[in-house]
Amino acid sequence: LKEEVARLNARKILHGIRRRSDLEEAPGAYKDIARVIDNQRDLIEVVV
């Protein structure tokens, strides 16, 4: 919990992670979005 909160606070993102139950939507629960985008460069181009 402390690591996930620190990760968001370091980027100055206002978030709602307060309790252990909130960790189901923590950044660490998700894949690396940059890699996901790179893996589908033949499907899409990034606009913004």
All heavy atoms as atom14 arrays in JSON, in Angstrom:
{
  "sequence": "LKEEVARLNARKILHGIRRRSDLEEAPGAYKDIARVIDNQRDLIEVVV",
  "atom14_mask": [
    [1, 1, 1, 1, 1, 1, 1, 1, 0, 0, 0, 0, 0, 0],
    [1, 1, 1, 1, 1, 1, 1, 1, 1, 0, 0, 0, 0, 0],
    [1, 1, 1, 1, 1, 1, 1, 1, 1, 0, 0, 0, 0, 0],
    [1, 1, 1, 1, 1, 1, 1, 1, 1, 0, 0, 0, 0, 0],
    [1, 1, 1, 1, 1, 1, 1, 0, 0, 0, 0, 0, 0, 0],
    [1, 1, 1, 1, 1, 0, 0, 0, 0, 0, 0, 0, 0, 0],
    [1, 1, 1, 1, 1, 1, 1, 1, 1, 1, 1, 0, 0, 0],
    [1, 1, 1, 1, 1, 1, 1, 1, 0, 0, 0, 0, 0, 0],
    [1, 1, 1, 1, 1, 1, 1, 1, 0, 0, 0, 0, 0, 0],
    [1, 1, 1, 1, 1, 0, 0, 0, 0, 0, 0, 0, 0, 0],
    [1, 1, 1, 1, 1, 1, 1, 1, 1, 1, 1, 0, 0, 0],
    [1, 1, 1, 1, 1, 1, 1, 1, 1, 0, 0, 0, 0, 0],
    [1, 1, 1, 1, 1, 1, 1, 1, 0, 0, 0, 0, 0, 0],
    [1, 1, 1, 1, 1, 1, 1, 1, 0, 0, 0, 0, 0, 0],
    [1, 1, 1, 1, 1, 1, 1, 1, 1, 1, 0, 0, 0, 0],
    [1, 1, 1, 1, 0, 0, 0, 0, 0, 0, 0, 0, 0, 0],
    [1, 1, 1, 1, 1, 1, 1, 1, 0, 0, 0, 0, 0, 0],
    [1, 1, 1, 1, 1, 1, 1, 1, 1, 1, 1, 0, 0, 0],
    [1, 1, 1, 1, 1, 1, 1, 1, 1, 1, 1, 0, 0, 0],
    [1, 1, 1, 1, 1, 1, 1, 1, 1, 1, 1, 0, 0, 0],
    [1, 1, 1, 1, 1, 1, 0, 0, 0, 0, 0, 0, 0, 0],
    [1, 1, 1, 1, 1, 1, 1, 1, 0, 0, 0, 0, 0, 0],
    [1, 1, 1, 1, 1, 1, 1, 1, 0, 0, 0, 0, 0, 0],
    [1, 1, 1, 1, 1, 1, 1, 1, 1, 0, 0, 0, 0, 0],
    [1, 1, 1, 1, 1, 1, 1, 1, 1, 0, 0, 0, 0, 0],
    [1, 1, 1, 1, 1, 0, 0, 0, 0, 0, 0, 0, 0, 0],
    [1, 1, 1, 1, 1, 1, 1, 0, 0, 0, 0, 0, 0, 0],
    [1, 1, 1, 1, 0, 0, 0, 0, 0, 0, 0, 0, 0, 0],
    [1, 1, 1, 1, 1, 0, 0, 0, 0, 0, 0, 0, 0, 0],
    [1, 1, 1, 1, 1, 1, 1, 1, 1, 1, 1, 1, 0, 0],
    [1, 1, 1, 1, 1, 1, 1, 1, 1, 0, 0, 0, 0, 0],
    [1, 1, 1, 1, 1, 1, 1, 1, 0, 0, 0, 0, 0, 0],
    [1, 1, 1, 1, 1, 1, 1, 1, 0, 0, 0, 0, 0, 0],
    [1, 1, 1, 1, 1, 0, 0, 0, 0, 0, 0, 0, 0, 0],
    [1, 1, 1, 1, 1, 1, 1, 1, 1, 1, 1, 0, 0, 0],
    [1, 1, 1, 1, 1, 1, 1, 0, 0, 0, 0, 0, 0, 0],
    [1, 1, 1, 1, 1, 1, 1, 1, 0, 0, 0, 0, 0, 0],
    [1, 1, 1, 1, 1, 1, 1, 1, 0, 0, 0, 0, 0, 0],
    [1, 1, 1, 1, 1, 1, 1, 1, 0, 0, 0, 0, 0, 0],
    [1, 1, 1, 1, 1, 1, 1, 1, 1, 0, 0, 0, 0, 0],
    [1, 1, 1, 1, 1, 1, 1, 1, 1, 1, 1, 0, 0, 0],
    [1, 1, 1, 1, 1, 1, 1, 1, 0, 0, 0, 0, 0, 0],
    [1, 1, 1, 1, 1, 1, 1, 1, 0, 0, 0, 0, 0, 0],
    [1, 1, 1, 1, 1, 1, 1, 1, 0, 0, 0, 0, 0, 0],
    [1, 1, 1, 1, 1, 1, 1, 1, 1, 0, 0, 0, 0, 0],
    [1, 1, 1, 1, 1, 1, 1, 0, 0, 0, 0, 0, 0, 0],
    [1, 1, 1, 1, 1, 1, 1, 0, 0, 0, 0, 0, 0, 0],
    [1, 1, 1, 1, 1, 1, 1, 0, 0, 0, 0, 0, 0, 0]
  ],
  "atom14_positions": [
    [[0.83, -1.21, 0.0], [0.0, 0.0, 0.0], [0.86, 1.26, 0.0], [0.62, 2.19, -0.79], [-0.94, -0.01, 1.21], [-1.88, 1.19, 1.37], [-2.79, 1.32, 0.16], [-2.68, 1.07, 2.66], [0.0, 0.0, 0.0], [0.0, 0.0, 0.0], [0.0, 0.0, 0.0], [0.0, 0.0, 0.0], [0.0, 0.0, 0.0], [0.0, 0.0, 0.0]],
    [[1.88, 1.31, 0.85], [2.72, 2.5, 0.93], [3.45, 2.76, -0.39], [3.57, 3.91, -0.84], [3.74, 2.35, 2.07], [3.11, 2.43, 3.45], [4.18, 2.35, 4.53], [3.55, 2.44, 5.93], [4.57, 2.36, 7.0], [0.0, 0.0, 0.0], [0.0, 0.0, 0.0], [0.0, 0.0, 0.0], [0.0, 0.0, 0.0], [0.0, 0.0, 0.0]],
    [[3.93, 1.7, -1.02], [4.64, 1.86, -2.29], [3.71, 2.38, -3.38], [4.11, 3.25, -4.18], [5.26, 0.53, -2.72], [6.47, 0.11, -1.91], [7.07, -1.19, -2.41], [6.6, -1.7, -3.46], [8.01, -1.7, -1.76], [0.0, 0.0, 0.0], [0.0, 0.0, 0.0], [0.0, 0.0, 0.0], [0.0, 0.0, 0.0], [0.0, 0.0, 0.0]],
    [[2.5, 1.84, -3.45], [1.57, 2.27, -4.5], [1.14, 3.72, -4.28], [1.04, 4.5, -5.24], [0.34, 1.36, -4.52], [0.64, -0.06, -4.97], [1.14, -0.15, -6.4], [0.72, 0.65, -7.25], [1.97, -1.04, -6.68], [0.0, 0.0, 0.0], [0.0, 0.0, 0.0], [0.0, 0.0, 0.0], [0.0, 0.0, 0.0], [0.0, 0.0, 0.0]],
    [[0.91, 4.11, -3.04], [0.54, 5.5, -2.74], [1.71, 6.43, -3.07], [1.53, 7.49, -3.68], [0.12, 5.65, -1.27], [0.0, 7.12, -0.88], [-1.21, 4.93, -1.02], [0.0, 0.0, 0.0], [0.0, 0.0, 0.0], [0.0, 0.0, 0.0], [0.0, 0.0, 0.0], [0.0, 0.0, 0.0], [0.0, 0.0, 0.0], [0.0, 0.0, 0.0]],
    [[2.92, 6.02, -2.69], [4.1, 6.84, -2.97], [4.31, 7.02, -4.47], [4.71, 8.1, -4.93], [5.34, 6.21, -2.33], [0.0, 0.0, 0.0], [0.0, 0.0, 0.0], [0.0, 0.0, 0.0], [0.0, 0.0, 0.0], [0.0, 0.0, 0.0], [0.0, 0.0, 0.0], [0.0, 0.0, 0.0], [0.0, 0.0, 0.0], [0.0, 0.0, 0.0]],
    [[4.03, 5.97, -5.21], [4.18, 6.01, -6.67], [3.26, 7.07, -7.29], [3.67, 7.81, -8.18], [3.85, 4.62, -7.21], [3.93, 4.42, -8.7], [3.67, 2.94, -8.99], [3.61, 2.63, -10.4], [3.4, 1.41, -10.88], [3.25, 0.39, -10.04], [3.36, 1.19, -12.19], [0.0, 0.0, 0.0], [0.0, 0.0, 0.0], [0.0, 0.0, 0.0]],
    [[2.04, 7.14, -6.79], [1.09, 8.14, -7.29], [1.43, 9.54, -6.78], [1.36, 10.52, -7.53], [-0.33, 7.75, -6.88], [-0.9, 6.5, -7.57], [-2.13, 5.99, -6.83], [-1.24, 6.8, -9.02], [0.0, 0.0, 0.0], [0.0, 0.0, 0.0], [0.0, 0.0, 0.0], [0.0, 0.0, 0.0], [0.0, 0.0, 0.0], [0.0, 0.0, 0.0]],
    [[1.79, 9.62, -5.5], [2.13, 10.93, -4.93], [3.35, 11.54, -5.59], [3.43, 12.77, -5.76], [2.38, 10.79, -3.42], [1.1, 10.5, -2.64], [0.0, 10.66, -3.16], [1.25, 10.09, -1.39], [0.0, 0.0, 0.0], [0.0, 0.0, 0.0], [0.0, 0.0, 0.0], [0.0, 0.0, 0.0], [0.0, 0.0, 0.0], [0.0, 0.0, 0.0]],
    [[4.31, 10.69, -5.99], [5.52, 11.2, -6.64], [5.2, 11.91, -7.95], [5.91, 12.83, -8.35], [6.5, 10.05, -6.87], [0.0, 0.0, 0.0], [0.0, 0.0, 0.0], [0.0, 0.0, 0.0], [0.0, 0.0, 0.0], [0.0, 0.0, 0.0], [0.0, 0.0, 0.0], [0.0, 0.0, 0.0], [0.0, 0.0, 0.0], [0.0, 0.0, 0.0]],
    [[4.13, 11.44, -8.59], [3.72, 12.07, -9.85], [2.68, 13.17, -9.63], [2.14, 13.71, -10.58], [3.17, 11.01, -10.8], [4.19, 9.96, -11.2], [3.65, 9.08, -12.31], [3.33, 9.86, -13.49], [2.64, 9.39, -14.54], [2.21, 8.15, -14.52], [2.39, 10.15, -15.57], [0.0, 0.0, 0.0], [0.0, 0.0, 0.0], [0.0, 0.0, 0.0]],
    [[2.39, 13.46, -8.35], [1.45, 14.51, -7.96], [0.06, 14.28, -8.55], [-0.62, 15.21, -8.99], [1.98, 15.88, -8.36], [3.3, 16.23, -7.65], [3.81, 17.6, -8.03], [5.11, 17.91, -7.29], [5.65, 19.26, -7.66], [0.0, 0.0, 0.0], [0.0, 0.0, 0.0], [0.0, 0.0, 0.0], [0.0, 0.0, 0.0], [0.0, 0.0, 0.0]],
    [[-0.34, 12.99, -8.58], [-1.67, 12.61, -9.07], [-2.62, 12.57, -7.88], [-2.33, 11.92, -6.86], [-1.64, 11.24, -9.75], [-0.69, 11.27, -10.96], [-3.04, 10.81, -10.19], [-0.37, 9.89, -11.51], [0.0, 0.0, 0.0], [0.0, 0.0, 0.0], [0.0, 0.0, 0.0], [0.0, 0.0, 0.0], [0.0, 0.0, 0.0], [0.0, 0.0, 0.0]],
    [[-3.75, 13.28, -7.98], [-4.77, 13.21, -6.94], [-5.55, 11.92, -7.14], [-6.16, 11.71, -8.19], [-5.69, 14.42, -7.02], [-5.01, 15.78, -6.82], [-6.05, 16.9, -6.9], [-4.27, 15.85, -5.49], [0.0, 0.0, 0.0], [0.0, 0.0, 0.0], [0.0, 0.0, 0.0], [0.0, 0.0, 0.0], [0.0, 0.0, 0.0], [0.0, 0.0, 0.0]],
    [[-5.53, 11.04, -6.16], [-6.06, 9.69, -6.31], [-6.9, 9.3, -5.11], [-7.04, 10.09, -4.15], [-4.92, 8.69, -6.5], [-3.98, 8.66, -5.33], [-4.17, 7.83, -4.24], [-2.86, 9.39, -5.05], [-3.22, 8.03, -3.36], [-2.4, 8.96, -3.82], [0.0, 0.0, 0.0], [0.0, 0.0, 0.0], [0.0, 0.0, 0.0], [0.0, 0.0, 0.0]],
    [[-7.44, 8.11, -5.1], [-8.3, 7.65, -4.02], [-7.81, 6.41, -3.31], [-8.6, 5.74, -2.64], [0.0, 0.0, 0.0], [0.0, 0.0, 0.0], [0.0, 0.0, 0.0], [0.0, 0.0, 0.0], [0.0, 0.0, 0.0], [0.0, 0.0, 0.0], [0.0, 0.0, 0.0], [0.0, 0.0, 0.0], [0.0, 0.0, 0.0], [0.0, 0.0, 0.0]],
    [[-6.54, 6.07, -3.44], [-6.03, 4.87, -2.77], [-5.71, 5.21, -1.31], [-4.79, 5.98, -1.03], [-4.78, 4.31, -3.48], [-5.15, 3.83, -4.89], [-4.18, 3.17, -2.68], [-4.03, 3.17, -5.64], [0.0, 0.0, 0.0], [0.0, 0.0, 0.0], [0.0, 0.0, 0.0], [0.0, 0.0, 0.0], [0.0, 0.0, 0.0], [0.0, 0.0, 0.0]],
    [[-6.52, 4.65, -0.43], [-6.37, 4.91, 1.01], [-6.21, 3.63, 1.82], [-5.51, 3.6, 2.82], [-7.61, 5.66, 1.53], [-7.91, 6.98, 0.83], [-6.94, 8.06, 1.22], [-7.3, 9.33, 0.6], [-6.88, 9.76, -0.58], [-6.06, 8.97, -1.3], [-7.25, 10.92, -1.08], [0.0, 0.0, 0.0], [0.0, 0.0, 0.0], [0.0, 0.0, 0.0]],
    [[-6.89, 2.57, 1.39], [-6.93, 1.33, 2.15], [-6.42, 0.17, 1.31], [-6.32, 0.28, 0.09], [-8.38, 1.04, 2.59], [-9.01, 2.15, 3.42], [-10.48, 1.88, 3.64], [-11.22, 1.83, 2.39], [-11.7, 2.89, 1.76], [-11.52, 4.1, 2.26], [-12.36, 2.75, 0.62], [0.0, 0.0, 0.0], [0.0, 0.0, 0.0], [0.0, 0.0, 0.0]],
    [[-6.12, -0.94, 1.98], [-5.63, -2.13, 1.26], [-6.64, -2.58, 0.21], [-6.24, -3.04, -0.86], [-5.34, -3.25, 2.25], [-4.93, -4.55, 1.61], [-4.12, -5.42, 2.55], [-2.8, -4.86, 2.81], [-1.76, -4.98, 2.0], [-1.87, -5.65, 0.87], [-0.59, -4.46, 2.3], [0.0, 0.0, 0.0], [0.0, 0.0, 0.0], [0.0, 0.0, 0.0]],
    [[-7.94, -2.45, 0.47], [-8.95, -2.86, -0.5], [-8.89, -2.04, -1.78], [-9.35, -2.49, -2.83], [-10.35, -2.77, 0.11], [-10.62, -1.43, 0.53], [0.0, 0.0, 0.0], [0.0, 0.0, 0.0], [0.0, 0.0, 0.0], [0.0, 0.0, 0.0], [0.0, 0.0, 0.0], [0.0, 0.0, 0.0], [0.0, 0.0, 0.0], [0.0, 0.0, 0.0]],
    [[-8.31, -0.84, -1.71], [-8.18, 0.0, -2.91], [-7.09, -0.5, -3.85], [-7.01, -0.04, -5.0], [-7.85, 1.45, -2.51], [-8.95, 2.09, -1.68], [-10.13, 1.75, -1.9], [-8.62, 2.93, -0.83], [0.0, 0.0, 0.0], [0.0, 0.0, 0.0], [0.0, 0.0, 0.0], [0.0, 0.0, 0.0], [0.0, 0.0, 0.0], [0.0, 0.0, 0.0]],
    [[-6.26, -1.42, -3.37], [-5.13, -1.88, -4.18], [-5.56, -2.67, -5.41], [-4.76, -2.87, -6.32], [-4.19, -2.75, -3.33], [-3.36, -1.99, -2.29], [-2.61, -2.96, -1.4], [-2.41, -1.01, -2.97], [0.0, 0.0, 0.0], [0.0, 0.0, 0.0], [0.0, 0.0, 0.0], [0.0, 0.0, 0.0], [0.0, 0.0, 0.0], [0.0, 0.0, 0.0]],
    [[-6.82, -3.13, -5.45], [-7.27, -3.85, -6.64], [-7.23, -2.97, -7.88], [-7.18, -3.46, -9.0], [-8.67, -4.42, -6.43], [-9.76, -3.41, -6.23], [-11.12, -4.06, -6.03], [-11.2, -5.16, -5.44], [-12.11, -3.45, -6.48], [0.0, 0.0, 0.0], [0.0, 0.0, 0.0], [0.0, 0.0, 0.0], [0.0, 0.0, 0.0], [0.0, 0.0, 0.0]],
    [[-7.23, -1.63, -7.69], [-7.13, -0.71, -8.82], [-5.83, 0.11, -8.77], [-5.76, 1.17, -9.38], [-8.35, 0.21, -8.85], [-9.61, -0.48, -9.34], [-9.46, -1.04, -10.74], [-8.92, -0.32, -11.61], [-9.86, -2.19, -10.99], [0.0, 0.0, 0.0], [0.0, 0.0, 0.0], [0.0, 0.0, 0.0], [0.0, 0.0, 0.0], [0.0, 0.0, 0.0]],
    [[-4.84, -0.38, -8.06], [-3.55, 0.31, -7.99], [-2.79, 0.13, -9.31], [-3.01, -0.84, -10.04], [-2.72, -0.24, -6.84], [0.0, 0.0, 0.0], [0.0, 0.0, 0.0], [0.0, 0.0, 0.0], [0.0, 0.0, 0.0], [0.0, 0.0, 0.0], [0.0, 0.0, 0.0], [0.0, 0.0, 0.0], [0.0, 0.0, 0.0], [0.0, 0.0, 0.0]],
    [[-1.89, 1.06, -9.63], [-1.1, 0.93, -10.87], [-0.37, -0.41, -10.99], [-0.26, -0.96, -12.09], [-0.11, 2.09, -10.77], [-0.84, 3.11, -9.96], [-1.63, 2.33, -8.95], [0.0, 0.0, 0.0], [0.0, 0.0, 0.0], [0.0, 0.0, 0.0], [0.0, 0.0, 0.0], [0.0, 0.0, 0.0], [0.0, 0.0, 0.0], [0.0, 0.0, 0.0]],
    [[0.09, -0.95, -9.86], [0.83, -2.22, -9.88], [0.0, -3.41, -10.29], [0.55, -4.48, -10.58], [0.0, 0.0, 0.0], [0.0, 0.0, 0.0], [0.0, 0.0, 0.0], [0.0, 0.0, 0.0], [0.0, 0.0, 0.0], [0.0, 0.0, 0.0], [0.0, 0.0, 0.0], [0.0, 0.0, 0.0], [0.0, 0.0, 0.0], [0.0, 0.0, 0.0]],
    [[-1.33, -3.27, -10.33], [-2.21, -4.36, -10.74], [-2.34, -4.44, -12.26], [-2.95, -5.38, -12.78], [-3.59, -4.19, -10.12], [0.0, 0.0, 0.0], [0.0, 0.0, 0.0], [0.0, 0.0, 0.0], [0.0, 0.0, 0.0], [0.0, 0.0, 0.0], [0.0, 0.0, 0.0], [0.0, 0.0, 0.0], [0.0, 0.0, 0.0], [0.0, 0.0, 0.0]],
    [[-1.74, -3.47, -12.97], [-1.93, -3.38, -14.42], [-0.63, -3.55, -15.2], [0.47, -3.32, -14.66], [-2.57, -2.03, -14.78], [-4.03, -2.0, -14.45], [-4.47, -1.66, -13.18], [-4.99, -2.34, -15.4], [-5.82, -1.65, -12.86], [-6.34, -2.34, -15.1], [-6.75, -2.0, -13.83], [-8.09, -2.0, -13.52], [0.0, 0.0, 0.0], [0.0, 0.0, 0.0]],
    [[-0.78, -3.94, -16.44], [0.37, -4.09, -17.32], [0.96, -2.72, -17.66], [0.32, -1.67, -17.48], [-0.04, -4.8, -18.62], [-0.55, -6.22, -18.42], [-0.93, -6.88, -19.74], [-1.46, -8.29, -19.52], [-1.79, -8.98, -20.77], [0.0, 0.0, 0.0], [0.0, 0.0, 0.0], [0.0, 0.0, 0.0], [0.0, 0.0, 0.0], [0.0, 0.0, 0.0]],
    [[2.15, -2.73, -18.18], [2.84, -1.51, -18.62], [2.14, -1.02, -19.89], [2.25, -1.64, -20.96], [4.31, -1.83, -18.88], [5.1, -0.64, -19.39], [4.51, 0.44, -19.59], [6.31, -0.79, -19.6], [0.0, 0.0, 0.0], [0.0, 0.0, 0.0], [0.0, 0.0, 0.0], [0.0, 0.0, 0.0], [0.0, 0.0, 0.0], [0.0, 0.0, 0.0]],
    [[1.45, 0.1, -19.79], [0.66, 0.6, -20.93], [1.56, 0.97, -22.11], [1.17, 0.8, -23.28], [-0.21, 1.82, -20.51], [-1.15, 2.26, -21.65], [0.66, 2.97, -20.03], [-2.18, 1.25, -22.05], [0.0, 0.0, 0.0], [0.0, 0.0, 0.0], [0.0, 0.0, 0.0], [0.0, 0.0, 0.0], [0.0, 0.0, 0.0], [0.0, 0.0, 0.0]],
    [[2.78, 1.42, -21.86], [3.7, 1.75, -22.96], [4.01, 0.52, -23.8], [4.05, 0.57, -25.04], [4.98, 2.38, -22.43], [0.0, 0.0, 0.0], [0.0, 0.0, 0.0], [0.0, 0.0, 0.0], [0.0, 0.0, 0.0], [0.0, 0.0, 0.0], [0.0, 0.0, 0.0], [0.0, 0.0, 0.0], [0.0, 0.0, 0.0], [0.0, 0.0, 0.0]],
    [[4.22, -0.61, -23.12], [4.49, -1.86, -23.84], [3.24, -2.33, -24.59], [3.34, -2.83, -25.71], [4.94, -2.93, -22.85], [5.31, -4.25, -23.52], [5.73, -5.3, -22.52], [6.07, -6.55, -23.18], [6.28, -7.69, -22.54], [6.19, -7.73, -21.21], [6.58, -8.78, -23.19], [0.0, 0.0, 0.0], [0.0, 0.0, 0.0], [0.0, 0.0, 0.0]],
    [[2.09, -2.17, -23.97], [0.83, -2.55, -24.64], [0.65, -1.76, -25.93], [0.28, -2.32, -26.97], [-0.37, -2.33, -23.68], [-1.7, -2.46, -24.42], [-0.32, -3.34, -22.52], [0.0, 0.0, 0.0], [0.0, 0.0, 0.0], [0.0, 0.0, 0.0], [0.0, 0.0, 0.0], [0.0, 0.0, 0.0], [0.0, 0.0, 0.0], [0.0, 0.0, 0.0]],
    [[0.94, -0.47, -25.87], [0.83, 0.36, -27.07], [1.85, -0.07, -28.12], [1.55, -0.2, -29.31], [1.0, 1.86, -26.71], [-0.17, 2.35, -25.86], [1.14, 2.71, -27.98], [-1.52, 2.34, -26.56], [0.0, 0.0, 0.0], [0.0, 0.0, 0.0], [0.0, 0.0, 0.0], [0.0, 0.0, 0.0], [0.0, 0.0, 0.0], [0.0, 0.0, 0.0]],
    [[3.09, -0.3, -27.7], [4.14, -0.71, -28.64], [3.8, -2.03, -29.34], [4.14, -2.22, -30.51], [5.48, -0.83, -27.92], [6.13, 0.51, -27.63], [5.72, 1.5, -28.28], [7.01, 0.58, -26.77], [0.0, 0.0, 0.0], [0.0, 0.0, 0.0], [0.0, 0.0, 0.0], [0.0, 0.0, 0.0], [0.0, 0.0, 0.0], [0.0, 0.0, 0.0]],
    [[3.14, -2.93, -28.62], [2.81, -4.24, -29.2], [1.72, -4.17, -30.27], [1.49, -5.17, -30.96], [2.37, -5.21, -28.1], [3.53, -5.77, -27.31], [4.69, -5.63, -27.7], [3.23, -6.41, -26.2], [0.0, 0.0, 0.0], [0.0, 0.0, 0.0], [0.0, 0.0, 0.0], [0.0, 0.0, 0.0], [0.0, 0.0, 0.0], [0.0, 0.0, 0.0]],
    [[1.07, -3.03, -30.41], [-0.01, -2.93, -31.39], [0.19, -1.74, -32.34], [-0.76, -1.14, -32.82], [-1.37, -2.84, -30.69], [-1.49, -1.73, -29.66], [-2.8, -1.78, -28.91], [-3.85, -2.12, -29.44], [-2.76, -1.4, -27.64], [0.0, 0.0, 0.0], [0.0, 0.0, 0.0], [0.0, 0.0, 0.0], [0.0, 0.0, 0.0], [0.0, 0.0, 0.0]],
    [[1.44, -1.45, -32.63], [1.73, -0.35, -33.56], [1.24, -0.65, -34.97], [1.14, 0.26, -35.79], [3.24, -0.07, -33.58], [3.8, 0.49, -32.28], [3.39, 1.92, -32.03], [3.98, 2.46, -30.8], [3.81, 3.69, -30.38], [3.07, 4.54, -31.08], [4.36, 4.11, -29.23], [0.0, 0.0, 0.0], [0.0, 0.0, 0.0], [0.0, 0.0, 0.0]],
    [[0.96, -1.92, -35.26], [0.4, -2.27, -36.56], [-1.12, -2.16, -36.57], [-1.76, -2.39, -37.61], [0.82, -3.68, -36.97], [0.41, -4.74, -35.96], [0.22, -4.4, -34.77], [0.29, -5.92, -36.35], [0.0, 0.0, 0.0], [0.0, 0.0, 0.0], [0.0, 0.0, 0.0], [0.0, 0.0, 0.0], [0.0, 0.0, 0.0], [0.0, 0.0, 0.0]],
    [[-1.72, -1.79, -35.43], [-3.17, -1.66, -35.33], [-3.63, -0.22, -35.19], [-4.71, 0.15, -35.64], [-3.7, -2.45, -34.13], [-3.31, -3.93, -34.05], [-3.95, -4.57, -32.83], [-3.72, -4.66, -35.32], [0.0, 0.0, 0.0], [0.0, 0.0, 0.0], [0.0, 0.0, 0.0], [0.0, 0.0, 0.0], [0.0, 0.0, 0.0], [0.0, 0.0, 0.0]],
    [[-2.79, 0.6, -34.54], [-3.18, 1.98, -34.25], [-1.98, 2.92, -34.34], [-0.82, 2.47, -34.32], [-3.81, 2.12, -32.85], [-2.91, 1.42, -31.76], [-5.21, 1.51, -32.8], [-1.98, 2.31, -31.03], [0.0, 0.0, 0.0], [0.0, 0.0, 0.0], [0.0, 0.0, 0.0], [0.0, 0.0, 0.0], [0.0, 0.0, 0.0], [0.0, 0.0, 0.0]],
    [[-2.27, 4.19, -34.47], [-1.24, 5.22, -34.3], [-1.72, 6.15, -33.18], [-2.91, 6.43, -33.06], [-1.0, 6.0, -35.59], [-2.21, 6.72, -36.14], [-1.89, 7.46, -37.44], [-0.71, 7.54, -37.8], [-2.85, 7.97, -38.07], [0.0, 0.0, 0.0], [0.0, 0.0, 0.0], [0.0, 0.0, 0.0], [0.0, 0.0, 0.0], [0.0, 0.0, 0.0]],
    [[-0.79, 6.6, -32.36], [-1.13, 7.48, -31.25], [-1.36, 8.9, -31.76], [-0.56, 9.44, -32.52], [-0.01, 7.47, -30.18], [-0.28, 8.51, -29.11], [0.12, 6.08, -29.56], [0.0, 0.0, 0.0], [0.0, 0.0, 0.0], [0.0, 0.0, 0.0], [0.0, 0.0, 0.0], [0.0, 0.0, 0.0], [0.0, 0.0, 0.0], [0.0, 0.0, 0.0]],
    [[-2.47, 9.49, -31.33], [-2.8, 10.87, -31.7], [-2.39, 11.82, -30.57], [-1.73, 12.83, -30.81], [-4.31, 11.01, -31.99], [-4.67, 12.46, -32.32], [-4.72, 10.1, -33.14], [0.0, 0.0, 0.0], [0.0, 0.0, 0.0], [0.0, 0.0, 0.0], [0.0, 0.0, 0.0], [0.0, 0.0, 0.0], [0.0, 0.0, 0.0], [0.0, 0.0, 0.0]],
    [[-2.8, 11.5, -29.34], [-2.45, 12.32, -28.18], [-2.19, 11.4, -26.98], [-2.99, 10.49, -26.71], [-3.57, 13.32, -27.8], [-3.1, 14.22, -26.64], [-4.01, 14.15, -28.97], [0.0, 0.0, 0.0], [0.0, 0.0, 0.0], [0.0, 0.0, 0.0], [0.0, 0.0, 0.0], [0.0, 0.0, 0.0], [0.0, 0.0, 0.0], [0.0, 0.0, 0.0]]
  ]
}
